């Protein structure tokens, strides 16, 4: 193998390793549905448990093409940040936003701009001041869920 090929392989290996390392510390809420009118909202409450936690960051991915814009609001103790996925179905998350309110329970509010059914994923992780990812919890059930579990989507 020539040096040029070894260098390319080394760079590819490093990039792959880095992408896997970032996935380990991230939390996901995947394949969730927001179902109802344009005033509907799902509410989730993840926790950041580490004492060195400075905040929580997240983005949302609107899985369904051509529906409505999905927004994700992160709230804690009277402070909030918001991000919107304006291109549903393209596989690209909204811009990543952070709310720096220390350890504890945060609230996610997912809303849409039109009536209908939207499937979404949320990628999030707790953050510390050194670029690390302290421990956190991923909620298994929403605090408020606009999808009636016993009804068919279609």
N, C-alpha and C. Protein backbone atom coordinates (compact mmCIF):
# COMPACT_ATOMS: atom_id res chain seq x y z
N UNK A 1 0.85 -1.16 0.00
CA UNK A 1 0.00 0.00 0.00
C UNK A 1 0.91 1.24 0.00
N UNK A 2 0.63 2.16 -0.88
CA UNK A 2 1.47 3.36 -0.95
C UNK A 2 1.12 4.35 0.16
N UNK A 3 2.00 5.34 0.37
CA UNK A 3 1.82 6.29 1.47
C UNK A 3 0.55 7.12 1.33
N UNK A 4 0.19 7.49 0.11
CA UNK A 4 -1.00 8.29 -0.12
C UNK A 4 -2.25 7.51 0.31
N UNK A 5 -2.28 6.23 -0.04
CA UNK A 5 -3.41 5.38 0.32
C UNK A 5 -3.45 5.17 1.83
N UNK A 6 -2.30 4.99 2.48
CA UNK A 6 -2.25 4.81 3.93
C UNK A 6 -2.77 6.06 4.65
N UNK A 7 -2.41 7.23 4.14
CA UNK A 7 -2.85 8.47 4.74
C UNK A 7 -4.37 8.61 4.64
N UNK A 8 -4.92 8.31 3.48
CA UNK A 8 -6.37 8.39 3.30
C UNK A 8 -7.09 7.40 4.21
N UNK A 9 -6.56 6.20 4.31
CA UNK A 9 -7.15 5.18 5.17
C UNK A 9 -7.09 5.61 6.64
N UNK A 10 -5.98 6.21 7.05
CA UNK A 10 -5.83 6.69 8.43
C UNK A 10 -6.84 7.79 8.74
N UNK A 11 -7.01 8.72 7.82
CA UNK A 11 -7.97 9.81 8.01
C UNK A 11 -9.39 9.25 8.10
N UNK A 12 -9.72 8.31 7.24
CA UNK A 12 -11.05 7.69 7.25
C UNK A 12 -11.28 6.97 8.57
N UNK A 13 -10.30 6.26 9.06
CA UNK A 13 -10.40 5.53 10.32
C UNK A 13 -10.62 6.48 11.49
N UNK A 14 -9.89 7.58 11.52
CA UNK A 14 -10.04 8.57 12.59
C UNK A 14 -11.44 9.19 12.55
N UNK A 15 -11.90 9.56 11.36
CA UNK A 15 -13.24 10.16 11.23
C UNK A 15 -14.32 9.18 11.69
N UNK A 16 -14.19 7.92 11.32
CA UNK A 16 -15.16 6.91 11.73
C UNK A 16 -15.15 6.74 13.24
N UNK A 17 -13.97 6.69 13.83
CA UNK A 17 -13.87 6.54 15.29
C UNK A 17 -14.48 7.74 16.00
N UNK A 18 -14.26 8.93 15.49
CA UNK A 18 -14.82 10.14 16.11
C UNK A 18 -16.34 10.15 16.02
N UNK A 19 -16.88 9.72 14.91
CA UNK A 19 -18.34 9.71 14.76
C UNK A 19 -18.97 8.71 15.71
N UNK A 20 -18.32 7.57 15.93
CA UNK A 20 -18.84 6.58 16.85
C UNK A 20 -18.76 7.09 18.29
N UNK A 21 -17.71 7.79 18.63
CA UNK A 21 -17.56 8.33 19.99
C UNK A 21 -18.66 9.33 20.30
N UNK A 22 -19.04 10.16 19.33
CA UNK A 22 -20.09 11.14 19.59
C UNK A 22 -21.45 10.47 19.73
N UNK A 23 -21.68 9.37 19.03
CA UNK A 23 -22.96 8.68 19.13
C UNK A 23 -23.15 8.02 20.49
N UNK A 24 -22.07 7.63 21.13
CA UNK A 24 -22.15 6.95 22.41
C UNK A 24 -22.75 7.87 23.47
N UNK A 25 -22.43 9.15 23.44
CA UNK A 25 -22.86 10.07 24.49
C UNK A 25 -24.19 10.75 24.18
N UNK A 26 -24.73 10.55 23.02
CA UNK A 26 -25.99 11.19 22.65
C UNK A 26 -27.17 10.33 23.09
N UNK A 27 -28.28 10.99 23.31
CA UNK A 27 -29.54 10.32 23.62
C UNK A 27 -30.49 10.58 22.46
N UNK A 28 -31.40 9.65 22.24
CA UNK A 28 -32.35 9.80 21.14
C UNK A 28 -33.75 9.46 21.58
N UNK A 29 -34.69 10.25 21.12
CA UNK A 29 -36.10 9.89 21.14
C UNK A 29 -36.43 9.67 19.67
N UNK A 30 -36.64 8.43 19.26
CA UNK A 30 -36.79 8.13 17.83
C UNK A 30 -38.18 7.60 17.49
N UNK A 31 -38.61 7.97 16.30
CA UNK A 31 -39.86 7.47 15.77
C UNK A 31 -41.09 7.88 16.56
N UNK A 32 -41.08 9.08 17.11
CA UNK A 32 -42.22 9.57 17.89
C UNK A 32 -43.20 10.27 16.96
N UNK A 33 -44.47 10.27 17.33
CA UNK A 33 -45.51 10.90 16.52
C UNK A 33 -46.15 12.06 17.24
N UNK A 34 -46.33 13.15 16.52
CA UNK A 34 -47.15 14.26 16.99
C UNK A 34 -48.41 14.20 16.15
N UNK A 35 -49.55 14.03 16.79
CA UNK A 35 -50.80 13.77 16.09
C UNK A 35 -51.87 14.70 16.63
N UNK A 36 -52.44 15.49 15.79
CA UNK A 36 -53.57 16.33 16.17
C UNK A 36 -53.56 17.60 15.36
N UNK A 37 -54.16 18.63 15.88
CA UNK A 37 -54.25 19.90 15.18
C UNK A 37 -52.96 20.70 15.24
N UNK A 38 -52.98 21.85 14.59
CA UNK A 38 -51.78 22.69 14.52
C UNK A 38 -51.43 23.31 15.87
N UNK A 39 -52.27 23.13 16.87
CA UNK A 39 -51.97 23.62 18.21
C UNK A 39 -51.53 22.50 19.14
N UNK A 40 -51.29 21.32 18.59
CA UNK A 40 -50.89 20.16 19.39
C UNK A 40 -49.44 20.30 19.85
N UNK A 41 -49.12 19.61 20.93
CA UNK A 41 -47.74 19.60 21.43
C UNK A 41 -47.48 18.31 22.18
N UNK A 42 -46.29 17.76 22.00
CA UNK A 42 -45.79 16.67 22.84
C UNK A 42 -44.82 17.28 23.83
N UNK A 43 -44.84 16.79 25.06
CA UNK A 43 -43.95 17.29 26.11
C UNK A 43 -43.15 16.12 26.68
N UNK A 44 -41.83 16.28 26.70
CA UNK A 44 -40.90 15.27 27.22
C UNK A 44 -40.05 15.91 28.31
N UNK A 45 -39.58 15.10 29.27
CA UNK A 45 -38.75 15.65 30.34
C UNK A 45 -37.49 14.80 30.56
N UNK A 46 -36.44 15.08 29.80
CA UNK A 46 -35.16 14.41 30.05
C UNK A 46 -34.45 15.05 31.25
N UNK A 47 -33.53 14.32 31.84
CA UNK A 47 -32.75 14.83 32.98
C UNK A 47 -31.27 14.79 32.67
N UNK A 48 -30.56 15.78 33.17
CA UNK A 48 -29.10 15.79 33.15
C UNK A 48 -28.65 15.60 34.59
N UNK A 49 -27.94 14.50 34.86
CA UNK A 49 -27.70 14.07 36.23
C UNK A 49 -26.34 14.46 36.79
N UNK A 50 -25.36 14.68 35.95
CA UNK A 50 -24.01 14.95 36.42
C UNK A 50 -23.89 16.30 37.11
N UNK A 51 -23.18 16.34 38.24
CA UNK A 51 -22.98 17.60 38.96
C UNK A 51 -22.25 18.64 38.12
N UNK A 52 -21.42 18.18 37.17
CA UNK A 52 -20.67 19.09 36.31
C UNK A 52 -21.44 19.53 35.07
N UNK A 53 -22.73 19.17 35.00
CA UNK A 53 -23.57 19.56 33.86
C UNK A 53 -23.74 21.07 33.82
N UNK A 54 -23.50 21.65 32.65
CA UNK A 54 -23.76 23.07 32.46
C UNK A 54 -25.05 23.30 31.68
N UNK A 55 -25.49 22.30 30.90
CA UNK A 55 -26.70 22.48 30.12
C UNK A 55 -27.08 21.26 29.33
N UNK A 56 -28.06 21.44 28.46
CA UNK A 56 -28.56 20.39 27.59
C UNK A 56 -28.69 20.97 26.19
N UNK A 57 -28.27 20.21 25.18
CA UNK A 57 -28.39 20.63 23.79
C UNK A 57 -29.22 19.62 23.01
N UNK A 58 -29.92 20.09 21.97
CA UNK A 58 -30.78 19.19 21.21
C UNK A 58 -31.08 19.73 19.82
N UNK A 59 -31.55 18.83 18.96
CA UNK A 59 -32.08 19.18 17.64
C UNK A 59 -33.20 18.20 17.33
N UNK A 60 -34.04 18.57 16.36
CA UNK A 60 -35.17 17.74 15.98
C UNK A 60 -35.10 17.42 14.49
N UNK A 61 -35.57 16.24 14.12
CA UNK A 61 -35.63 15.82 12.72
C UNK A 61 -37.08 15.49 12.38
N UNK A 62 -37.67 16.27 11.48
CA UNK A 62 -39.02 16.00 10.97
C UNK A 62 -38.87 14.93 9.89
N UNK A 63 -39.33 13.74 10.17
CA UNK A 63 -39.12 12.61 9.27
C UNK A 63 -40.03 12.67 8.05
N UNK A 64 -41.22 13.23 8.20
CA UNK A 64 -42.21 13.23 7.12
C UNK A 64 -42.02 14.39 6.15
N UNK A 65 -41.91 14.10 4.85
CA UNK A 65 -41.78 15.18 3.86
C UNK A 65 -43.11 15.88 3.62
N UNK A 66 -43.04 17.16 3.31
CA UNK A 66 -44.20 17.92 2.85
C UNK A 66 -45.29 18.14 3.86
N UNK A 67 -45.04 17.94 5.10
CA UNK A 67 -46.08 18.17 6.11
C UNK A 67 -45.95 19.59 6.62
N UNK A 68 -45.58 19.73 7.87
CA UNK A 68 -45.44 21.06 8.45
C UNK A 68 -44.05 21.18 9.07
N UNK A 69 -43.72 22.39 9.47
CA UNK A 69 -42.46 22.60 10.18
C UNK A 69 -42.62 22.12 11.61
N UNK A 70 -41.63 21.37 12.10
CA UNK A 70 -41.64 20.93 13.50
C UNK A 70 -40.67 21.77 14.29
N UNK A 71 -41.11 22.21 15.47
CA UNK A 71 -40.23 22.97 16.34
C UNK A 71 -40.01 22.21 17.63
N UNK A 72 -38.83 22.45 18.20
CA UNK A 72 -38.46 21.88 19.50
C UNK A 72 -38.06 23.03 20.41
N UNK A 73 -38.76 23.17 21.52
CA UNK A 73 -38.43 24.17 22.51
C UNK A 73 -37.84 23.44 23.72
N UNK A 74 -36.69 23.91 24.22
CA UNK A 74 -36.09 23.37 25.45
C UNK A 74 -36.32 24.42 26.53
N UNK A 75 -36.88 24.00 27.66
CA UNK A 75 -37.26 24.93 28.74
C UNK A 75 -36.74 24.42 30.08
N UNK A 76 -36.28 25.36 30.91
CA UNK A 76 -35.94 25.05 32.30
C UNK A 76 -35.90 26.35 33.09
N UNK A 77 -36.62 26.37 34.20
CA UNK A 77 -36.58 27.47 35.16
C UNK A 77 -36.73 28.86 34.53
N UNK A 78 -37.73 29.00 33.67
CA UNK A 78 -38.03 30.30 33.09
C UNK A 78 -37.19 30.71 31.89
N UNK A 79 -36.27 29.86 31.46
CA UNK A 79 -35.43 30.14 30.28
C UNK A 79 -35.76 29.11 29.19
N UNK A 80 -35.62 29.53 27.92
CA UNK A 80 -35.94 28.62 26.82
C UNK A 80 -35.13 28.96 25.58
N UNK A 81 -34.92 27.94 24.75
CA UNK A 81 -34.36 28.10 23.40
C UNK A 81 -35.21 27.26 22.46
N UNK A 82 -35.19 27.60 21.19
CA UNK A 82 -36.04 26.93 20.20
C UNK A 82 -35.25 26.63 18.94
N UNK A 83 -35.62 25.54 18.28
CA UNK A 83 -35.05 25.20 16.98
C UNK A 83 -36.15 24.60 16.11
N UNK A 84 -36.06 24.80 14.80
CA UNK A 84 -37.11 24.36 13.88
C UNK A 84 -36.49 23.60 12.72
N UNK A 85 -37.08 22.43 12.39
CA UNK A 85 -36.71 21.71 11.18
C UNK A 85 -37.68 22.17 10.09
N UNK A 86 -37.18 22.98 9.16
CA UNK A 86 -38.04 23.57 8.13
C UNK A 86 -38.11 22.73 6.86
N UNK A 87 -37.37 21.63 6.79
CA UNK A 87 -37.36 20.80 5.58
C UNK A 87 -37.63 19.35 5.96
N UNK A 88 -38.87 19.04 6.24
CA UNK A 88 -39.24 17.68 6.63
C UNK A 88 -38.91 16.67 5.55
N UNK A 89 -38.47 15.49 6.01
CA UNK A 89 -38.22 14.38 5.11
C UNK A 89 -36.86 14.38 4.45
N UNK A 90 -36.01 15.37 4.74
CA UNK A 90 -34.70 15.41 4.07
C UNK A 90 -33.61 14.70 4.86
N UNK A 91 -33.94 14.18 6.06
CA UNK A 91 -32.96 13.46 6.85
C UNK A 91 -31.97 14.35 7.58
N UNK A 92 -32.18 15.66 7.55
CA UNK A 92 -31.27 16.60 8.20
C UNK A 92 -31.97 17.20 9.42
N UNK A 93 -31.28 17.15 10.56
CA UNK A 93 -31.84 17.72 11.78
C UNK A 93 -31.86 19.25 11.72
N UNK A 94 -32.67 19.83 12.57
CA UNK A 94 -32.69 21.28 12.76
C UNK A 94 -31.34 21.71 13.34
N UNK A 95 -31.07 23.01 13.37
CA UNK A 95 -29.85 23.46 14.03
C UNK A 95 -29.83 23.01 15.50
N UNK A 96 -28.66 22.62 15.98
CA UNK A 96 -28.47 22.19 17.36
C UNK A 96 -28.46 23.42 18.26
N UNK A 97 -29.27 23.43 19.31
CA UNK A 97 -29.32 24.54 20.26
C UNK A 97 -29.06 24.03 21.67
N UNK A 98 -28.57 24.91 22.53
CA UNK A 98 -28.26 24.53 23.92
C UNK A 98 -28.90 25.50 24.89
N UNK A 99 -29.33 24.96 26.02
CA UNK A 99 -29.83 25.75 27.13
C UNK A 99 -28.94 25.44 28.32
N UNK A 100 -28.23 26.42 28.80
CA UNK A 100 -27.25 26.23 29.87
C UNK A 100 -27.84 26.61 31.23
N UNK A 101 -28.53 25.64 31.82
CA UNK A 101 -29.19 25.86 33.12
C UNK A 101 -28.77 24.82 34.16
N UNK A 102 -27.59 24.21 33.99
CA UNK A 102 -27.08 23.29 34.99
C UNK A 102 -27.79 21.95 35.02
N UNK A 103 -27.49 21.13 36.07
CA UNK A 103 -28.11 19.81 36.17
C UNK A 103 -29.59 19.91 36.54
N UNK A 104 -30.30 18.82 36.26
CA UNK A 104 -31.71 18.74 36.64
C UNK A 104 -32.60 18.32 35.49
N UNK A 105 -33.89 18.53 35.66
CA UNK A 105 -34.90 18.14 34.68
C UNK A 105 -35.13 19.29 33.71
N UNK A 106 -35.08 18.99 32.42
CA UNK A 106 -35.38 19.94 31.35
C UNK A 106 -36.71 19.52 30.72
N UNK A 107 -37.34 20.42 30.01
CA UNK A 107 -38.60 20.12 29.32
C UNK A 107 -38.43 20.37 27.83
N UNK A 108 -38.84 19.37 27.03
CA UNK A 108 -38.91 19.53 25.58
C UNK A 108 -40.38 19.71 25.22
N UNK A 109 -40.66 20.69 24.36
CA UNK A 109 -42.00 20.84 23.81
C UNK A 109 -41.88 20.77 22.29
N UNK A 110 -42.54 19.79 21.70
CA UNK A 110 -42.53 19.59 20.24
C UNK A 110 -43.87 20.08 19.70
N UNK A 111 -43.83 20.97 18.71
CA UNK A 111 -45.05 21.51 18.11
C UNK A 111 -44.91 21.55 16.60
N UNK A 112 -46.06 21.61 15.91
CA UNK A 112 -46.06 21.68 14.45
C UNK A 112 -46.89 22.84 13.97
N UNK A 113 -46.66 23.23 12.72
CA UNK A 113 -47.32 24.43 12.19
C UNK A 113 -48.62 24.14 11.45
N UNK A 114 -48.94 22.87 11.22
CA UNK A 114 -50.17 22.51 10.52
C UNK A 114 -50.79 21.29 11.16
N UNK A 115 -52.08 21.12 10.98
CA UNK A 115 -52.75 19.92 11.48
C UNK A 115 -52.27 18.70 10.70
N UNK A 116 -52.29 17.55 11.33
CA UNK A 116 -51.89 16.32 10.68
C UNK A 116 -51.09 15.43 11.62
N UNK A 117 -50.37 14.50 11.02
CA UNK A 117 -49.52 13.58 11.77
C UNK A 117 -48.08 13.82 11.36
N UNK A 118 -47.20 13.99 12.31
CA UNK A 118 -45.78 14.14 12.02
C UNK A 118 -44.97 13.16 12.86
N UNK A 119 -44.07 12.46 12.20
CA UNK A 119 -43.14 11.57 12.88
C UNK A 119 -41.83 12.32 13.04
N UNK A 120 -41.20 12.17 14.22
CA UNK A 120 -39.99 12.93 14.48
C UNK A 120 -39.00 12.15 15.35
N UNK A 121 -37.76 12.61 15.31
CA UNK A 121 -36.69 12.14 16.19
C UNK A 121 -36.11 13.37 16.88
N UNK A 122 -35.69 13.20 18.13
CA UNK A 122 -34.95 14.24 18.85
C UNK A 122 -33.60 13.66 19.24
N UNK A 123 -32.54 14.37 18.89
CA UNK A 123 -31.18 14.01 19.31
C UNK A 123 -30.79 15.01 20.40
N UNK A 124 -30.35 14.52 21.56
CA UNK A 124 -29.97 15.45 22.63
C UNK A 124 -28.86 14.86 23.49
N UNK A 125 -28.17 15.74 24.18
CA UNK A 125 -27.20 15.29 25.17
C UNK A 125 -26.94 16.39 26.19
N UNK A 126 -26.56 15.94 27.38
CA UNK A 126 -26.16 16.84 28.45
C UNK A 126 -24.76 17.34 28.12
N UNK A 127 -24.43 18.52 28.61
CA UNK A 127 -23.13 19.13 28.30
C UNK A 127 -22.46 19.61 29.58
N UNK A 128 -21.11 19.58 29.56
CA UNK A 128 -20.36 20.23 30.64
C UNK A 128 -19.49 21.31 30.03
N UNK A 129 -18.81 22.06 30.86
CA UNK A 129 -18.02 23.19 30.39
C UNK A 129 -16.76 22.82 29.63
N UNK A 130 -16.42 21.53 29.59
CA UNK A 130 -15.19 21.08 28.93
C UNK A 130 -15.46 20.36 27.60
N UNK A 131 -16.68 20.42 27.12
CA UNK A 131 -17.02 19.74 25.88
C UNK A 131 -17.42 18.29 26.09
N UNK A 132 -17.53 17.87 27.33
CA UNK A 132 -17.92 16.49 27.63
C UNK A 132 -19.42 16.34 27.74
N UNK A 133 -19.84 15.10 27.96
CA UNK A 133 -21.25 14.78 28.03
C UNK A 133 -21.55 14.01 29.32
N UNK A 134 -21.93 14.72 30.39
CA UNK A 134 -22.27 14.06 31.65
C UNK A 134 -23.48 13.13 31.47
N UNK A 135 -23.71 12.31 32.47
CA UNK A 135 -24.81 11.35 32.38
C UNK A 135 -26.16 12.07 32.34
N UNK A 136 -27.11 11.39 31.74
CA UNK A 136 -28.46 11.92 31.63
C UNK A 136 -29.45 10.79 31.46
N UNK A 137 -30.71 11.11 31.52
CA UNK A 137 -31.74 10.09 31.34
C UNK A 137 -32.59 10.42 30.12
N UNK A 138 -33.01 9.38 29.44
CA UNK A 138 -33.89 9.51 28.28
C UNK A 138 -35.29 9.10 28.72
N UNK A 139 -36.27 9.99 28.61
CA UNK A 139 -37.63 9.62 29.02
C UNK A 139 -38.19 8.52 28.12
N UNK A 140 -38.99 7.64 28.71
CA UNK A 140 -39.60 6.57 27.93
C UNK A 140 -41.04 6.89 27.56
N UNK A 141 -41.66 7.81 28.27
CA UNK A 141 -43.03 8.23 27.99
C UNK A 141 -43.09 9.76 28.04
N UNK A 142 -43.89 10.36 27.18
CA UNK A 142 -44.04 11.82 27.25
C UNK A 142 -44.88 12.22 28.45
N UNK A 143 -44.65 13.43 28.92
CA UNK A 143 -45.47 14.01 29.98
C UNK A 143 -46.85 14.34 29.41
N UNK A 144 -46.86 14.82 28.17
CA UNK A 144 -48.10 15.06 27.41
C UNK A 144 -47.89 14.48 26.04
N UNK A 145 -48.85 13.69 25.58
CA UNK A 145 -48.71 13.03 24.29
C UNK A 145 -49.97 13.28 23.47
N UNK A 146 -49.81 13.90 22.31
CA UNK A 146 -50.95 14.18 21.45
C UNK A 146 -51.29 13.03 20.52
N UNK A 147 -50.61 11.90 20.64
CA UNK A 147 -50.94 10.74 19.81
C UNK A 147 -51.73 9.74 20.62
N UNK A 148 -52.96 9.49 20.26
CA UNK A 148 -53.75 8.49 21.00
C UNK A 148 -53.24 7.09 20.66
N UNK A 149 -52.59 6.44 21.59
CA UNK A 149 -51.92 5.15 21.36
C UNK A 149 -52.87 4.07 20.86
N UNK A 150 -54.15 4.16 21.18
CA UNK A 150 -55.07 3.10 20.80
C UNK A 150 -55.76 3.37 19.46
N UNK A 151 -55.38 4.42 18.75
CA UNK A 151 -55.99 4.72 17.45
C UNK A 151 -54.99 4.46 16.33
N UNK A 152 -55.51 4.14 15.17
CA UNK A 152 -54.70 3.96 13.99
C UNK A 152 -54.29 5.34 13.44
N UNK A 153 -53.07 5.43 12.90
CA UNK A 153 -52.64 6.68 12.31
C UNK A 153 -53.33 6.96 10.99
N UNK A 154 -53.75 5.93 10.30
CA UNK A 154 -54.28 6.13 8.95
C UNK A 154 -55.60 5.42 8.77
